[in-house]
C-alpha atoms as a PDB file:
ATOM      1  CA  MET A   1     -19.940   3.492  -8.431  1.00  0.00           C
ATOM      2  CA  LYS A   2     -16.398   2.680  -7.333  1.00  0.00           C
ATOM      3  CA  ARG A   3     -14.872  -0.500  -5.917  1.00  0.00           C
ATOM      4  CA  TYR A   4     -11.804  -0.459  -3.719  1.00  0.00           C
ATOM      5  CA  GLU A   5      -9.129  -3.029  -3.006  1.00  0.00           C
ATOM      6  CA  TYR A   6      -6.502  -2.841  -0.275  1.00  0.00           C
ATOM      7  CA  VAL A   7      -3.089  -4.503  -0.323  1.00  0.00           C
ATOM      8  CA  ARG A   8      -1.158  -4.703   2.944  1.00  0.00           C
ATOM      9  CA  ILE A   9       2.616  -4.386   2.755  1.00  0.00           C
ATOM     10  CA  LYS A  10       5.129  -4.581   5.574  1.00  0.00           C
ATOM     11  CA  GLY A  11       8.168  -2.377   6.064  1.00  0.00           C
ATOM     12  CA  SER A  12      11.630  -3.787   6.455  1.00  0.00           C
ATOM     13  CA  LYS A  13      12.808  -4.841   9.902  1.00  0.00           C
ATOM     14  CA  PHE A  14      15.962  -2.769   9.552  1.00  0.00           C
ATOM     15  CA  ALA A  15      16.441   0.885  10.498  1.00  0.00           C
ATOM     16  CA  GLY A  16      14.394   3.371   8.506  1.00  0.00           C
ATOM     17  CA  ALA A  17      10.958   3.004   7.002  1.00  0.00           C
ATOM     18  CA  LYS A  18      11.765   1.083   3.824  1.00  0.00           C
ATOM     19  CA  PHE A  19       8.961  -0.678   1.979  1.00  0.00           C
ATOM     20  CA  GLU A  20       9.705  -3.057  -0.856  1.00  0.00           C
ATOM     21  CA  ASP A  21       7.666  -4.318  -3.813  1.00  0.00           C
ATOM     22  CA  HIS A  22       5.246  -1.377  -3.714  1.00  0.00           C
ATOM     23  CA  ARG A  23       6.050  -0.337  -7.286  1.00  0.00           C
ATOM     24  CA  ALA A  24       5.458  -3.830  -8.646  1.00  0.00           C
ATOM     25  CA  ILE A  25       2.120  -4.029  -6.802  1.00  0.00           C
ATOM     26  CA  ILE A  26       1.019  -0.626  -8.150  1.00  0.00           C
ATOM     27  CA  ASP A  27       2.014  -1.647 -11.706  1.00  0.00           C
ATOM     28  CA  GLN A  28       0.176  -4.971 -11.341  1.00  0.00           C
ATOM     29  CA  TYR A  29      -3.069  -3.274 -10.284  1.00  0.00           C
ATOM     30  CA  ALA A  30      -2.717  -0.593 -12.978  1.00  0.00           C
ATOM     31  CA  SER A  31      -2.514  -3.324 -15.622  1.00  0.00           C
ATOM     32  CA  LYS A  32      -5.894  -4.597 -14.345  1.00  0.00           C
ATOM     33  CA  GLY A  33      -7.479  -1.132 -14.739  1.00  0.00           C
ATOM     34  CA  PHE A  34      -7.172   0.036 -11.129  1.00  0.00           C
ATOM     35  CA  SER A  35      -5.940   3.469 -10.086  1.00  0.00           C
ATOM     36  CA  TYR A  36      -3.658   3.899  -7.088  1.00  0.00           C
ATOM     37  CA  ILE A  37      -5.241   6.481  -4.795  1.00  0.00           C
ATOM     38  CA  GLY A  38      -3.127   6.423  -1.635  1.00  0.00           C
ATOM     39  CA  TYR A  39      -2.184   4.539   1.489  1.00  0.00           C
ATOM     40  CA  ILE A  40      -3.233   4.193   5.113  1.00  0.00           C
ATOM     41  CA  PRO A  41      -0.752   3.342   7.864  1.00  0.00           C
ATOM     42  CA  VAL A  42      -2.226   0.410   9.792  1.00  0.00           C
ATOM     43  CA  VAL A  43       0.594  -0.563  12.174  1.00  0.00           C
ATOM     44  CA  ILE A  44       2.793   2.166  13.652  1.00  0.00           C
ATOM     45  CA  ALA A  45       5.642   1.501  16.083  1.00  0.00           C
ATOM     46  CA  GLU A  46       5.736   3.375  19.365  1.00  0.00           C
ATOM     47  CA  TYR A  47       8.493   5.596  17.961  1.00  0.00           C
ATOM     48  CA  GLY A  48       6.456   6.614  14.887  1.00  0.00           C
ATOM     49  CA  LYS A  49       7.787   4.268  12.187  1.00  0.00           C
ATOM     50  CA  PHE A  50       5.153   2.854   9.825  1.00  0.00           C
ATOM     51  CA  LYS A  51       5.497  -0.920  10.091  1.00  0.00           C
ATOM     52  CA  GLU A  52       2.591  -1.851   7.799  1.00  0.00           C
ATOM     53  CA  ILE A  53       0.532   0.124   5.316  1.00  0.00           C
ATOM     54  CA  ASP A  54      -2.451  -0.615   3.102  1.00  0.00           C
ATOM     55  CA  LEU A  55      -2.120   0.504  -0.524  1.00  0.00           C
ATOM     56  CA  ILE A  56      -5.537   1.605  -1.801  1.00  0.00           C
ATOM     57  CA  PHE A  57      -6.711   0.966  -5.363  1.00  0.00           C
ATOM     58  CA  GLU A  58      -9.929   2.045  -7.053  1.00  0.00           C
ATOM     59  CA  ILE A  59     -11.810   0.912 -10.154  1.00  0.00           C
ATOM     60  CA  ASP A  60     -15.204   1.742 -11.647  1.00  0.00           C
ATOM     61  CA  LYS A  61     -17.700  -1.067 -11.192  1.00  0.00           C
END
């Protein structure tokens, strides 16, 4: 059986869809035995920019 954890990160407030700290978060979870499996956009601006995403991690229970 698998267990999932979700980490919400916010994009920058400047032009473009820049997210910061995602690599450090992925490395942190990998060191705990989790695998990064993808992301889900959770807040999208009216013009299509992802403002917030959830990083999804999985580990065997």
